[in-house]
Protein backbone atom coordinates (compact mmCIF):
# COMPACT_ATOMS: atom_id res chain seq x y z
CA MET A 1 49.19 6.83 96.24
CA SER A 2 45.57 6.92 95.37
CA GLU A 3 45.37 10.64 96.19
CA LYS A 4 48.23 11.38 93.80
CA SER A 5 46.48 9.38 91.02
CA ASN A 6 43.24 11.21 91.59
CA ILE A 7 45.04 14.53 91.50
CA LYS A 8 46.68 13.61 88.20
CA TRP A 9 43.39 12.55 86.62
CA ARG A 10 41.75 15.74 87.79
CA GLU A 11 44.59 17.77 86.36
CA ARG A 12 44.29 15.94 83.02
CA LEU A 13 40.55 16.36 82.96
CA SER A 14 40.82 20.02 83.65
CA SER A 15 43.52 20.42 81.01
CA PRO A 16 42.30 22.00 77.68
CA LEU A 17 44.47 19.59 75.73
CA THR A 18 42.53 16.62 77.08
CA TRP A 19 39.22 18.14 75.91
CA HIS A 20 40.71 18.97 72.54
CA VAL A 21 41.86 15.41 72.07
CA ALA A 22 38.44 14.08 73.10
CA ALA A 23 36.61 16.42 70.74
CA PHE A 24 38.92 15.53 67.88
CA SER A 25 38.35 11.83 68.49
CA VAL A 26 34.58 12.25 68.43
CA LEU A 27 34.73 14.32 65.25
CA LEU A 28 37.00 11.76 63.65
CA ILE A 29 34.54 8.93 64.45
CA VAL A 30 31.65 10.95 63.11
CA MET A 31 33.54 11.70 59.89
CA VAL A 32 34.41 8.04 59.45
CA VAL A 33 30.74 7.05 59.90
CA LEU A 34 29.58 9.74 57.48
CA ALA A 35 32.23 8.83 54.91
CA THR A 36 31.21 5.19 55.09
CA ARG A 37 27.54 6.04 54.70
CA PHE A 38 28.30 8.39 51.79
CA ALA A 39 30.38 5.72 50.04
CA LEU A 40 27.57 3.14 50.39
CA ASP A 41 24.95 5.61 49.13
CA TRP A 42 27.15 6.60 46.23
CA MET A 43 27.60 2.99 45.17
CA ALA A 44 23.82 2.38 45.34
CA VAL A 45 23.02 5.51 43.34
CA SER A 46 25.67 4.75 40.74
CA SER A 47 24.35 1.22 40.26
CA SER A 48 20.74 2.43 40.01
CA SER A 49 21.72 5.15 37.53
CA ALA A 50 23.55 2.67 35.30
CA ASP A 51 20.55 0.33 35.28
CA ALA A 52 18.17 3.23 34.54
CA LEU A 53 20.41 4.48 31.71
CA ALA A 54 20.63 1.03 30.19
CA SER A 55 16.82 0.66 30.40
CA LYS A 56 16.29 4.04 28.73
CA GLN A 57 18.72 3.15 25.96
CA VAL A 58 16.84 -0.09 25.30
CA GLU A 59 13.52 1.82 25.18
CA LEU A 60 14.98 4.38 22.83
CA LYS A 61 16.28 1.68 20.48
CA ALA A 62 12.92 -0.04 20.49
CA MET A 63 11.13 3.22 19.68
CA GLU A 64 13.57 3.91 16.81
CA MET A 65 12.90 0.45 15.37
CA GLN A 66 9.13 0.99 15.65
CA THR A 67 9.17 4.39 13.99
CA SER A 68 11.71 3.59 11.27
CA PRO A 69 9.02 2.49 8.74
CA LEU A 70 7.36 5.92 9.16
CA ARG A 71 10.47 7.87 8.23
CA GLY A 72 9.99 9.63 4.94
CA LEU A 73 6.32 8.60 4.86
CA ASP A 74 5.26 12.02 3.54
CA LYS A 75 7.60 11.66 0.56
CA ARG A 76 6.49 8.10 -0.16
CA THR A 77 2.84 9.17 0.05
CA ALA A 78 3.44 12.03 -2.39
CA HIS A 79 5.27 9.63 -4.78
CA SER A 80 2.42 7.10 -4.55
CA ARG A 81 -0.07 9.81 -5.39
CA GLU A 82 1.98 10.75 -8.43
CA LEU A 83 2.05 7.13 -9.60
CA ILE A 84 -1.71 6.78 -9.10
CA GLY A 85 -2.30 10.01 -11.01
CA TYR A 86 -0.06 8.82 -13.85
CA PHE A 87 -1.91 5.47 -13.96
CA TYR A 88 -5.31 7.15 -14.06
CA GLN A 89 -4.19 9.57 -16.77
CA ASN A 90 -2.39 7.12 -19.05
CA ARG A 91 -3.95 3.70 -18.54
CA ILE A 92 -7.58 4.36 -17.66
CA PRO A 93 -9.69 5.02 -20.75
CA ALA A 94 -11.29 8.46 -20.77
CA ASN A 95 -14.51 7.30 -22.44
CA TYR A 96 -16.26 4.36 -24.03
CA SER A 97 -14.93 4.95 -27.55
CA SER A 98 -11.33 4.85 -26.27
CA PHE A 99 -11.30 1.17 -25.47
CA ALA A 100 -13.89 0.17 -28.08
CA THR A 101 -11.73 1.72 -30.79
CA ARG A 102 -8.64 0.06 -29.31
CA ILE A 103 -10.30 -3.37 -29.43
CA GLY A 104 -10.95 -2.81 -33.17
CA GLU A 105 -7.32 -1.75 -33.74
CA LEU A 106 -5.96 -4.86 -31.99
CA GLU A 107 -8.40 -6.98 -33.99
CA VAL A 108 -7.00 -5.64 -37.28
CA LYS A 109 -3.35 -5.97 -36.17
CA SER A 110 -3.69 -9.55 -34.98
CA GLY A 111 -5.81 -10.77 -37.85
CA VAL A 112 -8.59 -12.30 -35.70
CA ARG A 113 -12.25 -11.61 -36.35
CA VAL A 114 -14.50 -10.45 -33.54
CA THR A 115 -17.95 -12.01 -34.30
CA ARG A 116 -19.70 -10.76 -31.16
CA VAL A 117 -18.93 -8.26 -28.46
CA GLY A 118 -20.92 -7.01 -25.51
CA TYR A 119 -20.21 -4.25 -23.01
CA SER A 120 -21.67 -3.51 -19.59
CA GLN A 121 -20.65 -1.74 -16.43
CA GLY A 122 -20.49 -2.85 -12.82
CA LYS A 123 -21.34 -0.91 -9.70
CA PRO A 124 -19.37 2.35 -9.22
CA GLY A 125 -16.45 2.20 -6.78
CA PRO A 126 -14.91 5.08 -4.88
CA ASP A 127 -13.27 6.43 -8.04
CA LEU A 128 -13.62 3.90 -10.86
CA THR A 129 -16.28 1.71 -12.42
CA GLU A 130 -15.43 -1.71 -13.84
CA ILE A 131 -16.37 -2.23 -17.49
CA PHE A 132 -17.02 -5.80 -18.68
CA LEU A 133 -16.25 -6.94 -22.25
CA ASP A 134 -17.55 -10.27 -23.50
CA ALA A 135 -16.47 -11.19 -27.04
CA ASN A 136 -16.27 -14.15 -29.40
CA LEU A 137 -13.14 -14.42 -31.57
CA ILE A 138 -12.34 -16.49 -34.63
CA GLY A 139 -8.83 -17.01 -35.93
CA ASP A 140 -5.94 -19.42 -36.01
CA TYR A 141 -4.00 -20.10 -32.83
CA PRO A 142 -1.11 -17.62 -33.44
CA GLN A 143 -3.58 -14.86 -34.28
CA ILE A 144 -5.59 -15.53 -31.13
CA MET A 145 -2.46 -15.49 -28.94
CA HIS A 146 -1.24 -12.30 -30.67
CA PHE A 147 -4.53 -10.61 -29.89
CA ILE A 148 -4.54 -11.69 -26.23
CA ASN A 149 -0.90 -10.74 -25.66
CA SER A 150 -1.44 -7.34 -27.28
CA LEU A 151 -4.51 -6.82 -25.08
CA GLU A 152 -2.64 -7.59 -21.90
CA ARG A 153 0.35 -5.37 -22.85
CA ASP A 154 -1.73 -2.47 -24.16
CA THR A 155 -1.43 1.03 -22.75
CA ILE A 156 -5.11 0.85 -21.80
CA PHE A 157 -5.47 -1.28 -18.68
CA PHE A 158 -7.17 -4.54 -19.73
CA VAL A 159 -7.44 -7.61 -17.51
CA VAL A 160 -8.31 -10.94 -19.11
CA LYS A 161 -10.79 -12.59 -16.76
CA GLN A 162 -11.73 -15.77 -18.59
CA MET A 163 -11.08 -17.65 -21.86
CA ASN A 164 -13.26 -20.52 -23.14
CA LEU A 165 -12.61 -22.56 -26.30
CA THR A 166 -15.97 -22.94 -27.95
CA GLY A 167 -14.96 -24.83 -31.11
CA GLN A 168 -12.36 -25.51 -33.74
CA GLN A 169 -12.85 -26.14 -37.47
CA GLY A 170 -10.51 -26.07 -40.45
CA GLY A 171 -7.58 -24.74 -38.44
CA LEU A 172 -9.64 -21.84 -36.99
CA VAL A 173 -10.28 -21.51 -33.28
CA ASN A 174 -13.49 -20.11 -31.75
CA LEU A 175 -12.76 -18.44 -28.46
CA ARG A 176 -14.98 -16.68 -25.97
CA LEU A 177 -13.04 -13.98 -24.16
CA GLN A 178 -14.14 -12.03 -21.06
CA VAL A 179 -12.11 -8.89 -20.28
CA SER A 180 -12.39 -6.04 -17.80
CA THR A 181 -11.21 -2.46 -17.94
CA TRP A 182 -12.10 0.55 -15.83
CA MET A 183 -13.38 4.07 -16.36
CA SER A 184 -13.95 6.99 -14.01
CA ASN A 185 -17.41 6.99 -12.45
CA ALA A 186 -18.40 10.10 -14.44
CA ALA A 187 -17.25 8.64 -17.74
CA ALA A 188 -18.97 5.34 -17.03
CA ALA A 189 -22.25 7.12 -16.26
CA ALA A 190 -21.90 9.21 -19.45
CA SER A 191 -21.27 6.07 -21.57
CA ARG A 192 -24.84 4.87 -20.87
CA LEU A 193 -23.65 1.26 -20.91
CA PRO A 194 -26.15 -1.15 -19.27
CA GLN A 195 -25.55 -2.58 -15.85
CA ALA A 196 -23.92 -6.01 -15.78
CA ASN A 197 -25.78 -9.07 -14.51
CA PRO A 198 -24.89 -10.21 -10.99
CA ASN A 199 -22.37 -12.69 -12.44
CA GLY A 200 -20.66 -9.89 -14.38
CA GLN A 201 -21.98 -10.94 -17.83
CA PRO A 202 -22.72 -8.09 -20.24
CA LYS A 203 -26.34 -7.60 -21.17
CA ASN A 204 -25.79 -6.23 -24.67
CA GLU A 205 -24.29 -8.55 -27.21
CA ALA A 206 -23.90 -6.81 -30.56
CA PRO A 207 -22.49 -8.61 -33.63
CA ALA A 208 -19.13 -7.25 -34.73
CA ALA A 209 -17.37 -7.51 -38.05
CA ALA A 210 -13.95 -6.45 -39.21
CA PRO A 211 -13.98 -2.64 -39.72
CA ALA A 212 -13.91 -1.39 -43.26
CA ASP A 213 -12.39 1.88 -44.40
CA GLY A 214 -14.17 4.72 -42.67
CA ALA A 215 -16.26 2.32 -40.57
CA SER A 216 -16.37 2.18 -36.79
CA PRO A 217 -14.15 -0.46 -35.13
CA ALA A 218 -15.65 -3.68 -33.83
CA GLY A 219 -17.70 -3.14 -30.72
CA ALA A 220 -17.78 0.64 -31.10
CA PRO A 221 -21.06 2.51 -31.80
CA PRO A 222 -21.53 4.42 -35.06
CA ALA A 223 -20.61 8.10 -35.00
CA GLY A 224 -23.28 10.11 -33.22
CA ALA A 225 -25.12 7.01 -31.95
CA PRO A 226 -25.29 5.70 -28.36
CA PRO A 227 -23.42 2.46 -27.49
CA ALA A 228 -24.99 -0.79 -28.68
CA GLY A 229 -27.53 -2.02 -26.17
CA ALA A 230 -27.32 1.15 -24.14
CA GLY A 231 -31.10 1.50 -24.14
CA GLU A 232 -31.61 -1.90 -22.57
CA GLY A 233 -32.57 -1.90 -18.94
CA GLU A 234 -33.38 1.87 -18.98
């Protein structure tokens, strides 16, 4: 019995079909293992790719938010330069007589009387030099307010720095007014105005009266003459 069994096993082992079945089984096992490994690797790569993509999208969004203020910066810069140029051309006085004459015109329109006015210049800045005006005014309250409001709203850029009530008599108010404007550095140097004291007070204080017909406005030098007090400190 045992010999017959051995003969059968030998016949099966020597049969090509047996070897084909064995080879197919081995290949099937290898394919199953490879497919399982491929599926696991694919899941890991897919998960990593999704995380990386989400991270890159967050970074991109953050960069867009950071750079959004810079969009159109060249156009905004050009527009700002145009506004600055317009301001310099239309609101910065070209010379001393421009704002001195304007002070006289506002004096006449408001009805106040400028009894004293002094001009001086500060230290030059990168483009402009500050000009200090120190004046005493006499008038009733509505006239004083009209003069100050007109000064602040004028085309020439005036800034009221300080106002001090120095007296009142018979319905008239005495007011000391300190105002600043600006000129280009070249125009300020050409005006020959004296340098201001460290506290910004003008050095020259020339008396001013209401302008008559053909006369120079209050605070403005006579035609062909240098500004009042310009020789001081030279």
